[in-house]
Amino acid sequence: MIVAFSISPMTSSDDGSVTEAVAAAVRVVRESGLPNETNAMFTNIEGEWDEVMAVVKKAVDVVAESSPRVGLVLKADIRPGYDGQLQAKVERIDTALEQ
């Protein structure tokens, strides 16, 4: 499965920035060992249901350490038996664009 998610602390630092809290969540994902990528809006992670959801929960918990309220947006592509789709989906689109 591929999960795209965004975690937002509902409180920020004195300067209005949420960068440190979001960086802590991304650090959890990158240290998980699962295939992942981060863009301007979401972090994508690929793996089995239990391992992906455990990483999302841990990332939320890390953000909750600095914010008493946390927002989570999550979208999942649940397709058993398929691996490597984080890159393969993009490659299929790139191939279609070349035609």
N, C-alpha and C. Protein backbone atom coordinates (compact mmCIF):
# COMPACT_ATOMS: atom_id res chain seq x y z
N MET A 1 0.83 -1.18 0.00
CA MET A 1 0.00 0.00 0.00
C MET A 1 0.88 1.24 0.00
N ILE A 2 0.33 2.28 -0.58
CA ILE A 2 0.99 3.59 -0.53
C ILE A 2 0.08 4.51 0.28
N VAL A 3 0.67 5.24 1.20
CA VAL A 3 -0.07 6.23 1.98
C VAL A 3 0.57 7.58 1.76
N ALA A 4 -0.26 8.54 1.43
CA ALA A 4 0.17 9.95 1.36
C ALA A 4 -0.45 10.62 2.59
N PHE A 5 0.40 11.26 3.39
CA PHE A 5 -0.15 11.90 4.57
C PHE A 5 0.55 13.21 4.89
N SER A 6 -0.19 14.04 5.60
CA SER A 6 0.31 15.33 6.03
C SER A 6 -0.07 15.51 7.49
N ILE A 7 0.91 15.85 8.30
CA ILE A 7 0.67 16.09 9.72
C ILE A 7 0.92 17.56 10.00
N SER A 8 -0.02 18.17 10.70
CA SER A 8 0.11 19.59 11.02
C SER A 8 -0.11 19.83 12.50
N PRO A 9 0.89 20.38 13.17
CA PRO A 9 0.65 20.78 14.56
C PRO A 9 -0.33 21.95 14.54
N MET A 10 -1.24 21.96 15.47
CA MET A 10 -2.24 23.02 15.51
C MET A 10 -1.74 24.24 16.28
N THR A 11 -0.55 24.14 16.84
CA THR A 11 0.10 25.29 17.45
C THR A 11 1.47 25.42 16.81
N SER A 12 2.03 26.58 16.87
CA SER A 12 3.33 26.80 16.23
C SER A 12 4.29 27.45 17.21
N SER A 13 5.52 27.58 16.73
CA SER A 13 6.51 28.27 17.55
C SER A 13 6.17 29.76 17.61
N ASP A 14 6.91 30.50 18.39
CA ASP A 14 6.65 31.93 18.55
C ASP A 14 6.65 32.69 17.23
N ASP A 15 7.43 32.23 16.24
CA ASP A 15 7.50 32.92 14.96
C ASP A 15 6.45 32.41 13.96
N GLY A 16 5.55 31.51 14.42
CA GLY A 16 4.50 31.00 13.55
C GLY A 16 4.91 29.82 12.70
N SER A 17 6.11 29.31 12.89
CA SER A 17 6.63 28.22 12.07
C SER A 17 6.26 26.86 12.65
N VAL A 18 5.97 25.94 11.74
CA VAL A 18 5.73 24.54 12.14
C VAL A 18 6.85 23.64 11.64
N THR A 19 7.92 24.24 11.12
CA THR A 19 9.00 23.50 10.47
C THR A 19 9.61 22.43 11.37
N GLU A 20 9.93 22.77 12.60
CA GLU A 20 10.61 21.80 13.47
C GLU A 20 9.73 20.59 13.76
N ALA A 21 8.44 20.82 14.00
CA ALA A 21 7.54 19.71 14.28
C ALA A 21 7.36 18.82 13.06
N VAL A 22 7.21 19.44 11.90
CA VAL A 22 7.06 18.66 10.66
C VAL A 22 8.35 17.90 10.36
N ALA A 23 9.49 18.53 10.58
CA ALA A 23 10.78 17.85 10.36
C ALA A 23 10.90 16.63 11.27
N ALA A 24 10.42 16.72 12.48
CA ALA A 24 10.48 15.58 13.40
C ALA A 24 9.64 14.42 12.86
N ALA A 25 8.48 14.73 12.29
CA ALA A 25 7.62 13.69 11.71
C ALA A 25 8.28 13.05 10.49
N VAL A 26 8.88 13.87 9.64
CA VAL A 26 9.56 13.35 8.45
C VAL A 26 10.75 12.50 8.86
N ARG A 27 11.45 12.88 9.91
CA ARG A 27 12.58 12.09 10.41
C ARG A 27 12.12 10.68 10.80
N VAL A 28 10.97 10.58 11.44
CA VAL A 28 10.41 9.27 11.80
C VAL A 28 10.21 8.42 10.55
N VAL A 29 9.65 9.02 9.52
CA VAL A 29 9.39 8.29 8.27
C VAL A 29 10.70 7.84 7.64
N ARG A 30 11.64 8.74 7.52
CA ARG A 30 12.91 8.40 6.87
C ARG A 30 13.70 7.36 7.65
N GLU A 31 13.58 7.35 8.95
CA GLU A 31 14.28 6.36 9.77
C GLU A 31 13.57 5.01 9.81
N SER A 32 12.35 4.95 9.26
CA SER A 32 11.57 3.71 9.30
C SER A 32 12.15 2.63 8.40
N GLY A 33 12.89 3.02 7.37
CA GLY A 33 13.42 2.06 6.42
C GLY A 33 12.46 1.72 5.30
N LEU A 34 11.24 2.22 5.36
CA LEU A 34 10.27 1.99 4.29
C LEU A 34 10.51 2.97 3.15
N PRO A 35 10.19 2.57 1.91
CA PRO A 35 10.32 3.50 0.79
C PRO A 35 9.44 4.73 1.07
N ASN A 36 10.00 5.91 0.84
CA ASN A 36 9.24 7.13 1.12
C ASN A 36 9.76 8.28 0.28
N GLU A 37 8.96 9.30 0.19
CA GLU A 37 9.36 10.56 -0.44
C GLU A 37 8.54 11.68 0.18
N THR A 38 9.13 12.85 0.24
CA THR A 38 8.45 14.01 0.80
C THR A 38 8.42 15.09 -0.26
N ASN A 39 7.25 15.72 -0.42
CA ASN A 39 7.14 16.87 -1.32
C ASN A 39 6.58 18.05 -0.53
N ALA A 40 6.22 19.10 -1.20
CA ALA A 40 5.81 20.32 -0.52
C ALA A 40 4.52 20.16 0.29
N MET A 41 3.70 19.17 -0.06
CA MET A 41 2.41 19.02 0.59
C MET A 41 2.22 17.75 1.41
N PHE A 42 2.89 16.66 1.01
CA PHE A 42 2.66 15.36 1.65
C PHE A 42 3.96 14.58 1.78
N THR A 43 3.91 13.58 2.62
CA THR A 43 4.94 12.55 2.66
C THR A 43 4.27 11.26 2.23
N ASN A 44 4.89 10.56 1.30
CA ASN A 44 4.39 9.28 0.80
C ASN A 44 5.25 8.17 1.38
N ILE A 45 4.61 7.08 1.76
CA ILE A 45 5.32 5.94 2.32
C ILE A 45 4.67 4.66 1.79
N GLU A 46 5.50 3.66 1.53
CA GLU A 46 4.99 2.42 0.96
C GLU A 46 5.38 1.22 1.83
N GLY A 47 4.45 0.32 2.02
CA GLY A 47 4.71 -0.90 2.78
C GLY A 47 3.42 -1.63 3.08
N GLU A 48 3.49 -2.57 3.99
CA GLU A 48 2.30 -3.30 4.41
C GLU A 48 1.49 -2.44 5.39
N TRP A 49 0.20 -2.72 5.47
CA TRP A 49 -0.74 -1.92 6.27
C TRP A 49 -0.21 -1.65 7.68
N ASP A 50 0.11 -2.70 8.43
CA ASP A 50 0.51 -2.51 9.83
C ASP A 50 1.79 -1.71 9.98
N GLU A 51 2.76 -1.93 9.10
CA GLU A 51 4.02 -1.20 9.24
C GLU A 51 3.86 0.27 8.84
N VAL A 52 3.08 0.53 7.80
CA VAL A 52 2.86 1.92 7.37
C VAL A 52 2.09 2.68 8.45
N MET A 53 1.02 2.08 8.95
CA MET A 53 0.20 2.78 9.95
C MET A 53 0.97 2.98 11.25
N ALA A 54 1.86 2.06 11.58
CA ALA A 54 2.69 2.24 12.77
C ALA A 54 3.61 3.45 12.62
N VAL A 55 4.14 3.65 11.42
CA VAL A 55 5.01 4.81 11.17
C VAL A 55 4.20 6.10 11.22
N VAL A 56 3.01 6.10 10.63
CA VAL A 56 2.15 7.29 10.68
C VAL A 56 1.82 7.63 12.13
N LYS A 57 1.45 6.62 12.91
CA LYS A 57 1.14 6.87 14.32
C LYS A 57 2.34 7.44 15.07
N LYS A 58 3.51 6.86 14.85
CA LYS A 58 4.71 7.35 15.53
C LYS A 58 5.01 8.80 15.12
N ALA A 59 4.81 9.13 13.84
CA ALA A 59 5.03 10.50 13.37
C ALA A 59 4.04 11.47 14.03
N VAL A 60 2.78 11.05 14.15
CA VAL A 60 1.78 11.88 14.84
C VAL A 60 2.18 12.06 16.31
N ASP A 61 2.61 10.99 16.94
CA ASP A 61 3.01 11.07 18.35
C ASP A 61 4.17 12.04 18.56
N VAL A 62 5.12 12.05 17.63
CA VAL A 62 6.26 12.96 17.74
C VAL A 62 5.80 14.42 17.63
N VAL A 63 4.89 14.68 16.71
CA VAL A 63 4.37 16.05 16.57
C VAL A 63 3.56 16.43 17.81
N ALA A 64 2.82 15.48 18.37
CA ALA A 64 2.01 15.75 19.55
C ALA A 64 2.86 16.12 20.77
N GLU A 65 4.14 15.76 20.75
CA GLU A 65 5.02 16.16 21.85
C GLU A 65 5.20 17.67 21.94
N SER A 66 5.02 18.35 20.79
CA SER A 66 5.19 19.81 20.79
C SER A 66 3.89 20.57 20.54
N SER A 67 2.80 19.84 20.34
CA SER A 67 1.52 20.48 20.08
C SER A 67 0.40 19.66 20.71
N PRO A 68 -0.44 20.29 21.49
CA PRO A 68 -1.51 19.54 22.15
C PRO A 68 -2.62 19.10 21.20
N ARG A 69 -2.57 19.61 19.97
CA ARG A 69 -3.58 19.26 18.97
C ARG A 69 -2.87 19.07 17.64
N VAL A 70 -3.19 17.97 16.93
CA VAL A 70 -2.51 17.62 15.69
C VAL A 70 -3.55 17.31 14.62
N GLY A 71 -3.34 17.86 13.42
CA GLY A 71 -4.19 17.54 12.28
C GLY A 71 -3.50 16.51 11.39
N LEU A 72 -4.26 15.54 10.89
CA LEU A 72 -3.73 14.51 10.02
C LEU A 72 -4.63 14.36 8.81
N VAL A 73 -4.03 14.46 7.61
CA VAL A 73 -4.72 14.17 6.36
C VAL A 73 -4.03 12.94 5.79
N LEU A 74 -4.83 11.92 5.43
CA LEU A 74 -4.26 10.66 4.97
C LEU A 74 -5.06 10.13 3.78
N LYS A 75 -4.33 9.71 2.75
CA LYS A 75 -4.94 9.08 1.59
C LYS A 75 -4.17 7.79 1.33
N ALA A 76 -4.89 6.68 1.08
CA ALA A 76 -4.22 5.39 0.92
C ALA A 76 -4.63 4.73 -0.39
N ASP A 77 -3.65 4.11 -1.05
CA ASP A 77 -3.87 3.26 -2.22
C ASP A 77 -3.59 1.84 -1.75
N ILE A 78 -4.64 1.09 -1.49
CA ILE A 78 -4.52 -0.25 -0.93
C ILE A 78 -4.65 -1.25 -2.08
N ARG A 79 -3.52 -1.86 -2.43
CA ARG A 79 -3.47 -2.77 -3.57
C ARG A 79 -2.56 -3.94 -3.22
N PRO A 80 -3.11 -4.95 -2.56
CA PRO A 80 -2.29 -6.10 -2.13
C PRO A 80 -1.56 -6.75 -3.30
N GLY A 81 -0.34 -7.19 -3.02
CA GLY A 81 0.45 -7.91 -4.01
C GLY A 81 1.30 -7.03 -4.90
N TYR A 82 1.27 -5.75 -4.70
CA TYR A 82 2.08 -4.83 -5.51
C TYR A 82 3.10 -4.13 -4.64
N ASP A 83 4.35 -4.16 -5.05
CA ASP A 83 5.44 -3.46 -4.36
C ASP A 83 6.09 -2.50 -5.35
N GLY A 84 6.85 -1.56 -4.85
CA GLY A 84 7.60 -0.66 -5.72
C GLY A 84 6.75 0.31 -6.51
N GLN A 85 5.54 0.53 -6.06
CA GLN A 85 4.62 1.38 -6.81
C GLN A 85 4.88 2.87 -6.58
N LEU A 86 5.64 3.21 -5.57
CA LEU A 86 5.95 4.61 -5.32
C LEU A 86 6.64 5.23 -6.53
N GLN A 87 7.54 4.49 -7.16
CA GLN A 87 8.21 4.96 -8.36
C GLN A 87 7.51 4.46 -9.62
N ALA A 88 6.99 3.24 -9.60
CA ALA A 88 6.41 2.65 -10.80
C ALA A 88 5.22 3.44 -11.32
N LYS A 89 4.41 3.99 -10.45
CA LYS A 89 3.26 4.78 -10.89
C LYS A 89 3.72 6.02 -11.66
N VAL A 90 4.74 6.67 -11.15
CA VAL A 90 5.27 7.86 -11.81
C VAL A 90 5.92 7.49 -13.15
N GLU A 91 6.64 6.38 -13.17
CA GLU A 91 7.28 5.93 -14.42
C GLU A 91 6.25 5.64 -15.50
N ARG A 92 5.09 5.06 -15.13
CA ARG A 92 4.05 4.80 -16.13
C ARG A 92 3.52 6.10 -16.71
N ILE A 93 3.36 7.10 -15.90
CA ILE A 93 2.89 8.41 -16.40
C ILE A 93 3.95 9.02 -17.31
N ASP A 94 5.22 8.98 -16.89
CA ASP A 94 6.30 9.52 -17.72
C ASP A 94 6.35 8.83 -19.08
N THR A 95 6.17 7.52 -19.10
CA THR A 95 6.16 6.77 -20.37
C THR A 95 4.99 7.23 -21.23
N ALA A 96 3.84 7.39 -20.64
CA ALA A 96 2.66 7.84 -21.40
C ALA A 96 2.88 9.24 -21.98
N LEU A 97 3.57 10.09 -21.25
CA LEU A 97 3.83 11.45 -21.72
C LEU A 97 4.80 11.48 -22.89
N GLU A 98 5.68 10.48 -22.98
CA GLU A 98 6.64 10.41 -24.06
C GLU A 98 6.03 9.99 -25.39
N GLN A 99 4.84 9.42 -25.36
CA GLN A 99 4.19 8.91 -26.57
C GLN A 99 3.51 10.01 -27.35
